[in-house]
């Protein structure tokens, strides 16, 4: 191995190892179902017009195939159905380990098929950029739902609506308490009352910290309203949400949500 290549690979390994230590999370091992995944959530802010198709072509023909070849997936790509900042594309990328996250960009960029199929997007000039800006957050899955759960409707290409919710807290202690609440009962109540999760993640790097983010999937907005109504009236939920230490007033300062529609090529 050449010295330059050795140093570069050593720096990547060292950086990833340091990040894993910093986050105080064990990197997931492929095949170990007890390990928690990591999620990168990207927001591509676009301008209306032809660049929206350029983005779709890039992700459907270049980015997703290259990530899948690198062992990353399933990949979710979503449009804003109801919410601010449209057009903005949301991309959800699951990783089995922090090492996968740390090395993904270089692995995908070294893919010849990616470079060829994505040339228009990748090589856009400064006078005609492919996007306005990209935001990215890193999350680690909850212990109570350690792996992303892609809905069956994704494989069948059936209509589906996603709700992405973010809960902010006034302190990290309060944030951890809300995560504990989800792990110790709330996620189970979600499932029992028809609220189908896709993922739950603690935000490690991102905006509006400290917070947690999760995604639910529904057949329609009508189904969403019905299922949330069942959840809100559930006796077990009422008891849990009224338990000292678990009340919203103690551990949640703000809740925001946005509704997303999957693109035709989304794998989630």
C-alpha atoms as a PDB file:
ATOM      1  CA  UNK A   1       0.000   0.000   0.000  1.00  0.00           C
ATOM      2  CA  UNK A   2       1.292   3.442  -0.853  1.00  0.00           C
ATOM      3  CA  UNK A   3       2.130   5.741   2.050  1.00  0.00           C
ATOM      4  CA  UNK A   4      -0.440   8.375   1.033  1.00  0.00           C
ATOM      5  CA  UNK A   5      -3.224   5.770   0.783  1.00  0.00           C
ATOM      6  CA  UNK A   6      -2.199   4.268   4.126  1.00  0.00           C
ATOM      7  CA  UNK A   7      -2.274   7.623   5.861  1.00  0.00           C
ATOM      8  CA  UNK A   8      -5.638   8.493   4.364  1.00  0.00           C
ATOM      9  CA  UNK A   9      -7.219   5.185   5.411  1.00  0.00           C
ATOM     10  CA  UNK A  10      -5.626   5.479   8.861  1.00  0.00           C
ATOM     11  CA  UNK A  11      -7.097   8.941   9.306  1.00  0.00           C
ATOM     12  CA  UNK A  12     -10.548   7.681   8.352  1.00  0.00           C
ATOM     13  CA  UNK A  13     -10.353   4.786  10.805  1.00  0.00           C
ATOM     14  CA  UNK A  14      -9.008   7.009  13.581  1.00  0.00           C
ATOM     15  CA  UNK A  15     -11.647   9.660  12.949  1.00  0.00           C
ATOM     16  CA  UNK A  16     -14.485   7.160  12.932  1.00  0.00           C
ATOM     17  CA  UNK A  17     -13.196   5.457  16.069  1.00  0.00           C
ATOM     18  CA  UNK A  18     -12.959   8.817  17.798  1.00  0.00           C
ATOM     19  CA  UNK A  19     -16.480   9.696  16.754  1.00  0.00           C
ATOM     20  CA  UNK A  20     -17.801   6.406  18.080  1.00  0.00           C
ATOM     21  CA  UNK A  21     -16.085   7.044  21.406  1.00  0.00           C
ATOM     22  CA  UNK A  22     -17.344  10.599  21.524  1.00  0.00           C
ATOM     23  CA  UNK A  23     -20.930   9.505  20.954  1.00  0.00           C
ATOM     24  CA  UNK A  24     -20.573   6.783  23.605  1.00  0.00           C
ATOM     25  CA  UNK A  25     -22.286   4.301  21.304  1.00  0.00           C
ATOM     26  CA  UNK A  26     -20.980   0.930  20.203  1.00  0.00           C
ATOM     27  CA  UNK A  27     -20.733   0.570  16.440  1.00  0.00           C
ATOM     28  CA  UNK A  28     -23.265  -1.946  15.213  1.00  0.00           C
ATOM     29  CA  UNK A  29     -21.952  -5.221  13.881  1.00  0.00           C
ATOM     30  CA  UNK A  30     -23.559  -6.623  10.710  1.00  0.00           C
ATOM     31  CA  UNK A  31     -25.816  -9.526  11.684  1.00  0.00           C
ATOM     32  CA  UNK A  32     -26.032  -8.476  15.323  1.00  0.00           C
ATOM     33  CA  UNK A  33     -29.722  -7.721  15.748  1.00  0.00           C
ATOM     34  CA  UNK A  34     -29.167  -6.240  19.200  1.00  0.00           C
ATOM     35  CA  UNK A  35     -27.051  -3.396  17.799  1.00  0.00           C
ATOM     36  CA  UNK A  36     -28.619  -0.043  17.098  1.00  0.00           C
ATOM     37  CA  UNK A  37     -28.474   1.533  13.667  1.00  0.00           C
ATOM     38  CA  UNK A  38     -27.395   5.051  12.842  1.00  0.00           C
ATOM     39  CA  UNK A  39     -29.390   7.328  10.541  1.00  0.00           C
ATOM     40  CA  UNK A  40     -28.350  10.230   8.402  1.00  0.00           C
ATOM     41  CA  UNK A  41     -31.240  12.555   7.581  1.00  0.00           C
ATOM     42  CA  UNK A  42     -30.478  14.932   4.707  1.00  0.00           C
ATOM     43  CA  UNK A  43     -32.551  17.903   3.579  1.00  0.00           C
ATOM     44  CA  UNK A  44     -31.881  19.146   0.054  1.00  0.00           C
ATOM     45  CA  UNK A  45     -33.292  22.625  -0.435  1.00  0.00           C
ATOM     46  CA  UNK A  46     -34.053  23.083  -4.128  1.00  0.00           C
ATOM     47  CA  UNK A  47     -35.340  25.773  -6.454  1.00  0.00           C
ATOM     48  CA  UNK A  48     -38.522  25.189  -8.385  1.00  0.00           C
ATOM     49  CA  UNK A  49     -38.014  24.184 -11.969  1.00  0.00           C
ATOM     50  CA  UNK A  50     -35.805  21.782 -13.884  1.00  0.00           C
ATOM     51  CA  UNK A  51     -33.465  21.066 -10.956  1.00  0.00           C
ATOM     52  CA  UNK A  52     -36.171  19.021  -9.273  1.00  0.00           C
ATOM     53  CA  UNK A  53     -35.967  16.475 -12.092  1.00  0.00           C
ATOM     54  CA  UNK A  54     -32.166  16.594 -11.986  1.00  0.00           C
ATOM     55  CA  UNK A  55     -32.339  15.672  -8.298  1.00  0.00           C
ATOM     56  CA  UNK A  56     -34.773  12.797  -8.956  1.00  0.00           C
ATOM     57  CA  UNK A  57     -32.623  11.444 -11.772  1.00  0.00           C
ATOM     58  CA  UNK A  58     -29.517  11.673  -9.603  1.00  0.00           C
ATOM     59  CA  UNK A  59     -30.978   9.769  -6.662  1.00  0.00           C
ATOM     60  CA  UNK A  60     -32.890   7.177  -8.690  1.00  0.00           C
ATOM     61  CA  UNK A  61     -30.131   6.412 -11.212  1.00  0.00           C
ATOM     62  CA  UNK A  62     -26.903   7.204  -9.347  1.00  0.00           C
ATOM     63  CA  UNK A  63     -27.049   7.723  -5.580  1.00  0.00           C
ATOM     64  CA  UNK A  64     -29.398   4.946  -4.452  1.00  0.00           C
ATOM     65  CA  UNK A  65     -27.868   2.248  -6.700  1.00  0.00           C
ATOM     66  CA  UNK A  66     -24.366   3.205  -5.534  1.00  0.00           C
ATOM     67  CA  UNK A  67     -25.361   3.210  -1.863  1.00  0.00           C
ATOM     68  CA  UNK A  68     -27.045  -0.170  -2.269  1.00  0.00           C
ATOM     69  CA  UNK A  69     -23.887  -1.547  -3.911  1.00  0.00           C
ATOM     70  CA  UNK A  70     -21.969  -0.272  -0.883  1.00  0.00           C
ATOM     71  CA  UNK A  71     -24.306  -2.200   1.427  1.00  0.00           C
ATOM     72  CA  UNK A  72     -26.334   0.833   2.516  1.00  0.00           C
ATOM     73  CA  UNK A  73     -30.115   0.724   2.435  1.00  0.00           C
ATOM     74  CA  UNK A  74     -33.024   0.830   2.184  1.00  0.00           C
ATOM     75  CA  UNK A  75     -32.918   4.515   1.228  1.00  0.00           C
ATOM     76  CA  UNK A  76     -35.951   6.753   1.694  1.00  0.00           C
ATOM     77  CA  UNK A  77     -36.485   9.827  -0.475  1.00  0.00           C
ATOM     78  CA  UNK A  78     -39.472  12.067   0.218  1.00  0.00           C
ATOM     79  CA  UNK A  79     -41.212  15.208  -1.010  1.00  0.00           C
ATOM     80  CA  UNK A  80     -42.859  17.678   1.362  1.00  0.00           C
ATOM     81  CA  UNK A  81     -46.614  16.969   1.300  1.00  0.00           C
ATOM     82  CA  UNK A  82     -47.635  19.441   4.016  1.00  0.00           C
ATOM     83  CA  UNK A  83     -45.079  21.717   5.594  1.00  0.00           C
ATOM     84  CA  UNK A  84     -42.583  24.532   5.065  1.00  0.00           C
ATOM     85  CA  UNK A  85     -39.691  24.975   2.650  1.00  0.00           C
ATOM     86  CA  UNK A  86     -41.027  23.402  -0.508  1.00  0.00           C
ATOM     87  CA  UNK A  87     -39.344  22.191  -2.619  1.00  0.00           C
ATOM     88  CA  UNK A  88     -37.186  20.362  -0.098  1.00  0.00           C
ATOM     89  CA  UNK A  89     -36.266  16.707  -0.511  1.00  0.00           C
ATOM     90  CA  UNK A  90     -35.800  14.556   2.589  1.00  0.00           C
ATOM     91  CA  UNK A  91     -33.398  11.625   2.325  1.00  0.00           C
ATOM     92  CA  UNK A  92     -33.175   8.968   5.046  1.00  0.00           C
ATOM     93  CA  UNK A  93     -30.027   6.828   4.984  1.00  0.00           C
ATOM     94  CA  UNK A  94     -29.637   3.966   7.507  1.00  0.00           C
ATOM     95  CA  UNK A  95     -26.217   2.678   8.543  1.00  0.00           C
ATOM     96  CA  UNK A  96     -25.431  -0.538  10.385  1.00  0.00           C
ATOM     97  CA  UNK A  97     -22.525   1.119  12.169  1.00  0.00           C
ATOM     98  CA  UNK A  98     -20.829   4.440  12.806  1.00  0.00           C
ATOM     99  CA  UNK A  99     -18.012   3.201  10.574  1.00  0.00           C
ATOM    100  CA  UNK A 100     -20.484   2.876   7.703  1.00  0.00           C
ATOM    101  CA  UNK A 101     -21.587   6.462   8.223  1.00  0.00           C
ATOM    102  CA  UNK A 102     -18.029   7.756   8.465  1.00  0.00           C
ATOM    103  CA  UNK A 103     -16.829   6.082   5.266  1.00  0.00           C
ATOM    104  CA  UNK A 104     -20.013   6.156   3.155  1.00  0.00           C
ATOM    105  CA  UNK A 105     -19.265   9.331   1.239  1.00  0.00           C
ATOM    106  CA  UNK A 106     -15.877   8.158   0.010  1.00  0.00           C
ATOM    107  CA  UNK A 107     -17.185   4.691  -0.817  1.00  0.00           C
ATOM    108  CA  UNK A 108     -20.057   6.054  -2.894  1.00  0.00           C
ATOM    109  CA  UNK A 109     -17.920   8.665  -4.637  1.00  0.00           C
ATOM    110  CA  UNK A 110     -15.413   6.014  -5.696  1.00  0.00           C
ATOM    111  CA  UNK A 111     -18.162   4.106  -7.507  1.00  0.00           C
ATOM    112  CA  UNK A 112     -17.636   4.525 -11.272  1.00  0.00           C
ATOM    113  CA  UNK A 113     -21.304   3.921 -12.010  1.00  0.00           C
ATOM    114  CA  UNK A 114     -22.248   6.669  -9.575  1.00  0.00           C
ATOM    115  CA  UNK A 115     -19.901   9.161 -11.217  1.00  0.00           C
ATOM    116  CA  UNK A 116     -21.196   8.360 -14.688  1.00  0.00           C
ATOM    117  CA  UNK A 117     -24.935   8.246 -13.932  1.00  0.00           C
ATOM    118  CA  UNK A 118     -24.828  11.279 -11.644  1.00  0.00           C
ATOM    119  CA  UNK A 119     -22.546  13.489 -13.735  1.00  0.00           C
ATOM    120  CA  UNK A 120     -25.090  16.241 -14.381  1.00  0.00           C
ATOM    121  CA  UNK A 121     -25.872  16.650 -10.673  1.00  0.00           C
ATOM    122  CA  UNK A 122     -22.323  16.120  -9.388  1.00  0.00           C
ATOM    123  CA  UNK A 123     -20.602  18.436 -11.883  1.00  0.00           C
ATOM    124  CA  UNK A 124     -23.119  21.287 -11.911  1.00  0.00           C
ATOM    125  CA  UNK A 125     -21.340  24.668 -12.256  1.00  0.00           C
ATOM    126  CA  UNK A 126     -21.543  27.461  -9.679  1.00  0.00           C
ATOM    127  CA  UNK A 127     -23.674  29.459 -12.112  1.00  0.00           C
ATOM    128  CA  UNK A 128     -26.316  26.708 -12.205  1.00  0.00           C
ATOM    129  CA  UNK A 129     -26.069  24.635  -8.971  1.00  0.00           C
ATOM    130  CA  UNK A 130     -27.994  21.417  -8.427  1.00  0.00           C
ATOM    131  CA  UNK A 131     -29.369  22.603  -5.067  1.00  0.00           C
ATOM    132  CA  UNK A 132     -29.454  25.632  -2.803  1.00  0.00           C
ATOM    133  CA  UNK A 133     -28.136  23.990   0.386  1.00  0.00           C
ATOM    134  CA  UNK A 134     -27.992  20.615   2.140  1.00  0.00           C
ATOM    135  CA  UNK A 135     -28.630  20.078   5.855  1.00  0.00           C
ATOM    136  CA  UNK A 136     -27.619  16.832   7.528  1.00  0.00           C
ATOM    137  CA  UNK A 137     -28.308  15.274  10.934  1.00  0.00           C
ATOM    138  CA  UNK A 138     -26.917  12.138  12.555  1.00  0.00           C
ATOM    139  CA  UNK A 139     -29.150  10.023  14.771  1.00  0.00           C
ATOM    140  CA  UNK A 140     -28.785   6.762  16.676  1.00  0.00           C
ATOM    141  CA  UNK A 141     -31.704   4.352  16.910  1.00  0.00           C
ATOM    142  CA  UNK A 142     -33.530   3.828  20.199  1.00  0.00           C
ATOM    143  CA  UNK A 143     -32.974   0.581  22.073  1.00  0.00           C
ATOM    144  CA  UNK A 144     -36.728  -0.030  21.796  1.00  0.00           C
ATOM    145  CA  UNK A 145     -36.608  -0.049  17.976  1.00  0.00           C
ATOM    146  CA  UNK A 146     -33.006  -0.697  17.030  1.00  0.00           C
ATOM    147  CA  UNK A 147     -33.597  -1.195  13.302  1.00  0.00           C
ATOM    148  CA  UNK A 148     -35.473   0.762  10.651  1.00  0.00           C
ATOM    149  CA  UNK A 149     -38.803  -0.836   9.731  1.00  0.00           C
ATOM    150  CA  UNK A 150     -39.600  -0.235   6.070  1.00  0.00           C
ATOM    151  CA  UNK A 151     -43.364  -0.465   5.483  1.00  0.00           C
ATOM    152  CA  UNK A 152     -44.704  -3.349   3.388  1.00  0.00           C
ATOM    153  CA  UNK A 153     -46.452  -0.775   1.202  1.00  0.00           C
ATOM    154  CA  UNK A 154     -43.032   0.375  -0.056  1.00  0.00           C
ATOM    155  CA  UNK A 155     -42.362  -2.943  -1.811  1.00  0.00           C
ATOM    156  CA  UNK A 156     -45.875  -2.965  -3.247  1.00  0.00           C
ATOM    157  CA  UNK A 157     -45.597   0.685  -4.341  1.00  0.00           C
ATOM    158  CA  UNK A 158     -48.829   1.515  -2.562  1.00  0.00           C
ATOM    159  CA  UNK A 159     -49.737   5.109  -1.568  1.00  0.00           C
ATOM    160  CA  UNK A 160     -48.413   6.070   1.851  1.00  0.00           C
ATOM    161  CA  UNK A 161     -48.006   9.176   3.976  1.00  0.00           C
ATOM    162  CA  UNK A 162     -45.123   9.715   6.397  1.00  0.00           C
ATOM    163  CA  UNK A 163     -45.137  11.915   9.479  1.00  0.00           C
ATOM    164  CA  UNK A 164     -41.747  13.086  10.727  1.00  0.00           C
ATOM    165  CA  UNK A 165     -41.912  14.371  14.305  1.00  0.00           C
ATOM    166  CA  UNK A 166     -39.238  16.105  16.387  1.00  0.00           C
ATOM    167  CA  UNK A 167     -39.441  16.528  20.175  1.00  0.00           C
ATOM    168  CA  UNK A 168     -37.186  19.167  21.704  1.00  0.00           C
ATOM    169  CA  UNK A 169     -36.278  19.262  25.397  1.00  0.00           C
ATOM    170  CA  UNK A 170     -34.864  21.927  27.684  1.00  0.00           C
ATOM    171  CA  UNK A 171     -31.892  19.768  28.731  1.00  0.00           C
ATOM    172  CA  UNK A 172     -30.119  16.543  27.795  1.00  0.00           C
ATOM    173  CA  UNK A 173     -31.400  14.981  30.998  1.00  0.00           C
ATOM    174  CA  UNK A 174     -34.982  15.701  29.972  1.00  0.00           C
ATOM    175  CA  UNK A 175     -34.285  14.456  26.430  1.00  0.00           C
ATOM    176  CA  UNK A 176     -32.974  11.161  27.824  1.00  0.00           C
ATOM    177  CA  UNK A 177     -36.047  10.880  30.044  1.00  0.00           C
ATOM    178  CA  UNK A 178     -38.356  11.185  27.024  1.00  0.00           C
ATOM    179  CA  UNK A 179     -36.332   8.521  25.206  1.00  0.00           C
ATOM    180  CA  UNK A 180     -36.672   6.308  28.284  1.00  0.00           C
ATOM    181  CA  UNK A 181     -40.441   6.876  28.200  1.00  0.00           C
ATOM    182  CA  UNK A 182     -40.625   5.740  24.575  1.00  0.00           C
ATOM    183  CA  UNK A 183     -38.473   2.661  25.241  1.00  0.00           C
ATOM    184  CA  UNK A 184     -40.362   1.698  28.410  1.00  0.00           C
ATOM    185  CA  UNK A 185     -43.887   1.717  27.096  1.00  0.00           C
ATOM    186  CA  UNK A 186     -44.816   4.465  24.646  1.00  0.00           C
ATOM    187  CA  UNK A 187     -43.546   2.689  21.509  1.00  0.00           C
ATOM    188  CA  UNK A 188     -45.517  -0.420  22.515  1.00  0.00           C
ATOM    189  CA  UNK A 189     -48.653   1.702  22.890  1.00  0.00           C
ATOM    190  CA  UNK A 190     -47.979   3.239  19.479  1.00  0.00           C
ATOM    191  CA  UNK A 191     -47.938  -0.202  17.887  1.00  0.00           C
ATOM    192  CA  UNK A 192     -51.029  -1.412  19.729  1.00  0.00           C
ATOM    193  CA  UNK A 193     -53.085   1.622  18.729  1.00  0.00           C
ATOM    194  CA  UNK A 194     -52.145   1.473  15.054  1.00  0.00           C
ATOM    195  CA  UNK A 195     -49.296   3.999  14.929  1.00  0.00           C
ATOM    196  CA  UNK A 196     -46.744   2.237  12.717  1.00  0.00           C
ATOM    197  CA  UNK A 197     -43.151   3.362  13.281  1.00  0.00           C
ATOM    198  CA  UNK A 198     -40.426   3.514  10.649  1.00  0.00           C
ATOM    199  CA  UNK A 199     -37.644   4.624  13.000  1.00  0.00           C
ATOM    200  CA  UNK A 200     -36.968   6.376  16.297  1.00  0.00           C
ATOM    201  CA  UNK A 201     -33.682   8.231  16.669  1.00  0.00           C
ATOM    202  CA  UNK A 202     -31.825  10.312  19.216  1.00  0.00           C
ATOM    203  CA  UNK A 203     -30.227  13.254  17.434  1.00  0.00           C
ATOM    204  CA  UNK A 204     -26.477  13.209  18.042  1.00  0.00           C
ATOM    205  CA  UNK A 205     -25.495  15.955  15.598  1.00  0.00           C
ATOM    206  CA  UNK A 206     -27.983  18.437  14.163  1.00  0.00           C
ATOM    207  CA  UNK A 207     -30.095  21.492  14.901  1.00  0.00           C
ATOM    208  CA  UNK A 208     -32.513  22.308  17.732  1.00  0.00           C
ATOM    209  CA  UNK A 209     -30.565  20.225  20.219  1.00  0.00           C
ATOM    210  CA  UNK A 210     -31.301  18.325  22.358  1.00  0.00           C
ATOM    211  CA  UNK A 211     -34.040  16.478  20.516  1.00  0.00           C
ATOM    212  CA  UNK A 212     -35.310  13.153  19.259  1.00  0.00           C
ATOM    213  CA  UNK A 213     -36.907  12.458  15.890  1.00  0.00           C
ATOM    214  CA  UNK A 214     -39.141   9.667  14.716  1.00  0.00           C
ATOM    215  CA  UNK A 215     -41.130   8.714  11.628  1.00  0.00           C
ATOM    216  CA  UNK A 216     -44.541   7.074  11.308  1.00  0.00           C
ATOM    217  CA  UNK A 217     -46.290   5.781   8.197  1.00  0.00           C
ATOM    218  CA  UNK A 218     -49.998   5.853   7.330  1.00  0.00           C
ATOM    219  CA  UNK A 219     -52.193   4.840   4.427  1.00  0.00           C
ATOM    220  CA  UNK A 220     -53.677   8.333   4.293  1.00  0.00           C
ATOM    221  CA  UNK A 221     -54.308  11.498   6.296  1.00  0.00           C
ATOM    222  CA  UNK A 222     -57.698  10.097   7.345  1.00  0.00           C
ATOM    223  CA  UNK A 223     -55.996   6.981   8.724  1.00  0.00           C
ATOM    224  CA  UNK A 224     -53.504   9.192  10.511  1.00  0.00           C
ATOM    225  CA  UNK A 225     -56.238  11.186  12.263  1.00  0.00           C
ATOM    226  CA  UNK A 226     -58.045   7.991  13.264  1.00  0.00           C
ATOM    227  CA  UNK A 227     -54.968   6.261  14.696  1.00  0.00           C
ATOM    228  CA  UNK A 228     -53.779   9.299  16.632  1.00  0.00           C
ATOM    229  CA  UNK A 229     -57.285   9.579  18.080  1.00  0.00           C
ATOM    230  CA  UNK A 230     -57.168   5.977  19.291  1.00  0.00           C
ATOM    231  CA  UNK A 231     -53.750   6.596  20.824  1.00  0.00           C
ATOM    232  CA  UNK A 232     -54.780   9.795  22.612  1.00  0.00           C
ATOM    233  CA  UNK A 233     -57.765   8.096  24.269  1.00  0.00           C
ATOM    234  CA  UNK A 234     -55.891   4.943  25.287  1.00  0.00           C
ATOM    235  CA  UNK A 235     -56.051   4.368  29.086  1.00  0.00           C
ATOM    236  CA  UNK A 236     -52.506   3.021  29.285  1.00  0.00           C
ATOM    237  CA  UNK A 237     -51.192   6.089  27.439  1.00  0.00           C
ATOM    238  CA  UNK A 238     -53.108   8.424  29.739  1.00  0.00           C
ATOM    239  CA  UNK A 239     -51.592   6.696  32.755  1.00  0.00           C
ATOM    240  CA  UNK A 240     -48.061   6.764  31.333  1.00  0.00           C
ATOM    241  CA  UNK A 241     -48.221  10.396  30.204  1.00  0.00           C
ATOM    242  CA  UNK A 242     -49.468  11.452  33.646  1.00  0.00           C
ATOM    243  CA  UNK A 243     -46.683   9.664  35.513  1.00  0.00           C
ATOM    244  CA  UNK A 244     -44.416  12.090  37.422  1.00  0.00           C
ATOM    245  CA  UNK A 245     -41.183  12.495  35.492  1.00  0.00           C
ATOM    246  CA  UNK A 246     -42.867  11.632  32.184  1.00  0.00           C
ATOM    247  CA  UNK A 247     -45.218  14.573  31.754  1.00  0.00           C
ATOM    248  CA  UNK A 248     -44.724  16.891  28.783  1.00  0.00           C
ATOM    249  CA  UNK A 249     -44.316  19.875  31.081  1.00  0.00           C
ATOM    250  CA  UNK A 250     -41.232  18.245  32.614  1.00  0.00           C
ATOM    251  CA  UNK A 251     -39.443  16.835  29.563  1.00  0.00           C
ATOM    252  CA  UNK A 252     -40.754  18.270  26.265  1.00  0.00           C
ATOM    253  CA  UNK A 253     -40.528  21.942  25.271  1.00  0.00           C
ATOM    254  CA  UNK A 254     -41.605  21.810  21.618  1.00  0.00           C
ATOM    255  CA  UNK A 255     -43.027  19.344  19.100  1.00  0.00           C
ATOM    256  CA  UNK A 256     -42.825  19.918  15.359  1.00  0.00           C
ATOM    257  CA  UNK A 257     -43.997  17.690  12.552  1.00  0.00           C
ATOM    258  CA  UNK A 258     -43.970  17.559   8.787  1.00  0.00           C
ATOM    259  CA  UNK A 259     -45.793  15.310   6.340  1.00  0.00           C
ATOM    260  CA  UNK A 260     -43.884  13.620   3.549  1.00  0.00           C
ATOM    261  CA  UNK A 261     -44.745  11.669   0.400  1.00  0.00           C
ATOM    262  CA  UNK A 262     -42.281   9.091  -0.970  1.00  0.00           C
ATOM    263  CA  UNK A 263     -40.886   9.513  -4.455  1.00  0.00           C
ATOM    264  CA  UNK A 264     -41.622   6.784  -6.987  1.00  0.00           C
ATOM    265  CA  UNK A 265     -38.104   5.386  -6.482  1.00  0.00           C
ATOM    266  CA  UNK A 266     -37.996   5.575  -2.664  1.00  0.00           C
ATOM    267  CA  UNK A 267     -37.161   2.259  -0.977  1.00  0.00           C
ATOM    268  CA  UNK A 268     -39.073   3.221   2.181  1.00  0.00           C
END
